[in-house]
């Protein structure tokens, strides 16, 4: 069921326009897991460090905002190459823009956490970390829709921009749980 929902979401993201993302994401479900997080009383189990996933598969990751903890499900849906003219809007002198579309669901966090977007890392084809880019909120190729409040079980789709050095591409996306801890990695199938 989750795979079908994510495939439908990926198809909508690949072909959807800039304003067509408000209703359908919250109707798909990633699912909750069985253990209890002491900070929220909600059900959620964290995906083990070092887990390798393909695009569309969800990982359950911890999140902490101003001392409040929770767990969310994150599925990297796609990584899309930007156009050369996007560099002007993103104020990039060189490199290649890439857009990471992800679906996030509140699986074990307070509904008023403040932010539900984890810090993800883009990895270039040469193994070096890609640079994160602060895209404008209304940037059509990669719109950031992170809410400050999200009910348990609700979800949303958002996008983050990265720049890969000239001559490289974006090969993977990682979530690093903490210093010295193996990342959770998403790669294309």
Protein backbone atom coordinates (compact mmCIF):
# COMPACT_ATOMS: atom_id res chain seq x y z
CA UNK A 1 0.00 0.00 0.00
CA UNK A 2 2.81 2.45 0.89
CA UNK A 3 4.68 1.71 -2.34
CA UNK A 4 1.58 2.36 -4.44
CA UNK A 5 0.91 5.65 -2.63
CA UNK A 6 4.50 6.78 -3.09
CA UNK A 7 4.49 5.82 -6.78
CA UNK A 8 1.33 7.88 -7.27
CA UNK A 9 2.97 10.73 -5.38
CA UNK A 10 6.14 10.48 -7.47
CA UNK A 11 4.09 10.59 -10.66
CA UNK A 12 2.21 13.64 -9.39
CA UNK A 13 5.47 15.37 -8.43
CA UNK A 14 7.10 14.63 -11.76
CA UNK A 15 4.19 15.96 -13.79
CA UNK A 16 2.50 18.39 -11.41
CA UNK A 17 2.56 22.13 -11.65
CA UNK A 18 3.70 24.64 -9.08
CA UNK A 19 0.39 24.88 -7.25
CA UNK A 20 -0.90 21.31 -7.35
CA UNK A 21 0.29 19.93 -4.02
CA UNK A 22 -2.17 20.85 -1.31
CA UNK A 23 -4.73 18.04 -1.12
CA UNK A 24 -3.32 14.68 -2.17
CA UNK A 25 -0.16 14.32 -0.05
CA UNK A 26 -2.03 14.18 3.25
CA UNK A 27 -4.27 11.40 1.93
CA UNK A 28 -1.39 8.95 1.42
CA UNK A 29 -0.11 7.10 4.45
CA UNK A 30 3.39 5.95 5.30
CA UNK A 31 2.24 4.32 8.51
CA UNK A 32 3.24 4.35 12.13
CA UNK A 33 5.29 1.78 13.97
CA UNK A 34 4.99 -0.04 17.24
CA UNK A 35 7.20 1.35 20.01
CA UNK A 36 6.44 4.41 22.11
CA UNK A 37 8.52 7.61 22.19
CA UNK A 38 8.68 8.77 25.80
CA UNK A 39 8.68 12.44 24.82
CA UNK A 40 5.40 12.39 22.92
CA UNK A 41 3.47 9.30 23.91
CA UNK A 42 3.06 8.58 20.18
CA UNK A 43 4.05 5.41 18.35
CA UNK A 44 7.25 5.47 16.31
CA UNK A 45 10.45 3.45 15.93
CA UNK A 46 13.61 4.91 14.43
CA UNK A 47 15.23 3.36 11.35
CA UNK A 48 18.67 1.93 12.23
CA UNK A 49 21.78 3.90 11.19
CA UNK A 50 23.43 2.59 8.03
CA UNK A 51 20.13 1.57 6.41
CA UNK A 52 20.22 1.73 2.59
CA UNK A 53 16.94 2.69 0.87
CA UNK A 54 15.79 3.39 -2.66
CA UNK A 55 13.78 6.44 -3.67
CA UNK A 56 10.21 6.11 -2.44
CA UNK A 57 11.07 4.04 0.65
CA UNK A 58 10.43 5.64 4.02
CA UNK A 59 12.80 5.95 6.96
CA UNK A 60 11.65 6.82 10.46
CA UNK A 61 14.04 9.49 11.76
CA UNK A 62 14.31 11.40 15.05
CA UNK A 63 13.73 15.12 15.07
CA UNK A 64 14.42 17.65 17.80
CA UNK A 65 13.21 21.25 17.71
CA UNK A 66 14.06 23.53 20.65
CA UNK A 67 14.40 20.58 23.03
CA UNK A 68 11.16 18.87 21.94
CA UNK A 69 11.65 15.43 20.38
CA UNK A 70 9.66 13.44 17.89
CA UNK A 71 9.87 10.93 15.06
CA UNK A 72 8.83 11.50 11.46
CA UNK A 73 8.76 9.29 8.37
CA UNK A 74 10.75 10.63 5.42
CA UNK A 75 10.63 9.23 1.89
CA UNK A 76 12.91 10.79 -0.71
CA UNK A 77 10.67 10.66 -3.77
CA UNK A 78 13.04 11.99 -6.41
CA UNK A 79 16.18 13.94 -7.23
CA UNK A 80 15.75 16.15 -10.29
CA UNK A 81 18.42 18.09 -12.15
CA UNK A 82 17.73 21.81 -12.47
CA UNK A 83 18.19 23.93 -15.57
CA UNK A 84 21.23 26.15 -16.21
CA UNK A 85 19.05 29.29 -15.93
CA UNK A 86 18.01 28.24 -12.39
CA UNK A 87 21.51 29.18 -11.21
CA UNK A 88 20.65 32.88 -11.61
CA UNK A 89 17.61 32.67 -9.34
CA UNK A 90 19.53 30.56 -6.82
CA UNK A 91 22.51 32.95 -7.01
CA UNK A 92 24.98 30.23 -7.94
CA UNK A 93 28.22 31.18 -9.65
CA UNK A 94 28.80 27.63 -10.87
CA UNK A 95 27.77 24.04 -10.30
CA UNK A 96 24.58 22.17 -11.14
CA UNK A 97 21.33 22.63 -9.19
CA UNK A 98 19.44 19.55 -8.03
CA UNK A 99 16.05 19.33 -6.34
CA UNK A 100 15.22 16.71 -3.72
CA UNK A 101 11.48 16.08 -3.40
CA UNK A 102 10.45 14.32 -0.22
CA UNK A 103 7.29 13.23 1.53
CA UNK A 104 7.20 13.68 5.28
CA UNK A 105 4.65 12.24 7.71
CA UNK A 106 4.24 12.89 11.42
CA UNK A 107 4.50 9.39 12.88
CA UNK A 108 5.44 10.27 16.46
CA UNK A 109 5.85 14.01 17.08
CA UNK A 110 3.81 16.67 18.84
CA UNK A 111 1.42 18.36 16.37
CA UNK A 112 2.97 21.77 17.17
CA UNK A 113 6.66 20.82 16.85
CA UNK A 114 7.45 23.90 14.75
CA UNK A 115 9.40 22.19 11.95
CA UNK A 116 9.11 18.74 10.44
CA UNK A 117 11.92 18.93 7.89
CA UNK A 118 15.05 16.97 8.79
CA UNK A 119 18.50 18.11 7.71
CA UNK A 120 19.30 15.97 4.68
CA UNK A 121 22.66 15.84 2.94
CA UNK A 122 23.11 15.59 -0.82
CA UNK A 123 25.97 13.37 -1.98
CA UNK A 124 27.67 14.00 -5.31
CA UNK A 125 28.74 11.27 -7.73
CA UNK A 126 32.34 11.76 -6.53
CA UNK A 127 31.29 10.98 -2.93
CA UNK A 128 31.67 14.58 -1.71
CA UNK A 129 28.81 16.40 0.00
CA UNK A 130 26.76 18.70 -2.26
CA UNK A 131 26.07 22.21 -0.99
CA UNK A 132 22.60 23.02 0.34
CA UNK A 133 20.94 26.04 -1.28
CA UNK A 134 18.38 28.43 0.21
CA UNK A 135 15.79 28.43 -2.55
CA UNK A 136 13.12 31.16 -2.59
CA UNK A 137 9.80 30.01 -1.08
CA UNK A 138 7.98 30.53 -4.38
CA UNK A 139 10.65 28.90 -6.60
CA UNK A 140 8.54 26.76 -9.01
CA UNK A 141 11.10 23.99 -9.67
CA UNK A 142 11.50 23.32 -5.92
CA UNK A 143 8.83 24.68 -3.59
CA UNK A 144 9.42 24.34 0.13
CA UNK A 145 6.14 23.62 1.95
CA UNK A 146 7.24 22.81 5.49
CA UNK A 147 4.42 23.46 7.99
CA UNK A 148 4.98 24.51 11.59
CA UNK A 149 2.11 22.30 12.81
CA UNK A 150 1.23 18.80 11.59
CA UNK A 151 -1.28 16.40 13.15
CA UNK A 152 -0.17 12.88 13.97
CA UNK A 153 -0.57 10.83 10.78
CA UNK A 154 -0.73 13.87 8.47
CA UNK A 155 1.86 14.33 5.73
CA UNK A 156 3.15 16.85 3.22
CA UNK A 157 5.46 17.06 0.21
CA UNK A 158 8.36 19.49 0.16
CA UNK A 159 11.54 20.14 -1.78
CA UNK A 160 15.09 21.17 -0.94
CA UNK A 161 17.68 22.49 -3.40
CA UNK A 162 21.34 21.48 -3.57
CA UNK A 163 24.21 22.33 -5.88
CA UNK A 164 26.66 19.71 -7.14
CA UNK A 165 30.11 20.79 -8.29
CA UNK A 166 30.65 21.13 -12.04
CA UNK A 167 31.28 17.73 -13.60
CA UNK A 168 29.35 15.81 -10.91
CA UNK A 169 25.74 14.80 -10.35
CA UNK A 170 23.69 14.11 -7.22
CA UNK A 171 24.06 10.39 -6.53
CA UNK A 172 22.37 9.97 -3.13
CA UNK A 173 20.62 11.69 -0.24
CA UNK A 174 21.51 11.01 3.40
CA UNK A 175 20.16 11.62 6.86
CA UNK A 176 22.94 11.63 9.47
CA UNK A 177 21.47 10.86 12.93
CA UNK A 178 24.46 12.34 14.78
CA UNK A 179 28.23 12.82 14.80
CA UNK A 180 30.10 9.60 14.00
CA UNK A 181 26.87 7.70 13.24
CA UNK A 182 26.38 5.95 9.89
CA UNK A 183 23.84 7.74 7.68
CA UNK A 184 20.53 6.48 6.40
CA UNK A 185 20.94 6.66 2.62
CA UNK A 186 18.51 6.93 -0.29
CA UNK A 187 19.68 6.08 -3.83
CA UNK A 188 17.84 5.53 -7.11
CA UNK A 189 16.71 1.94 -7.72
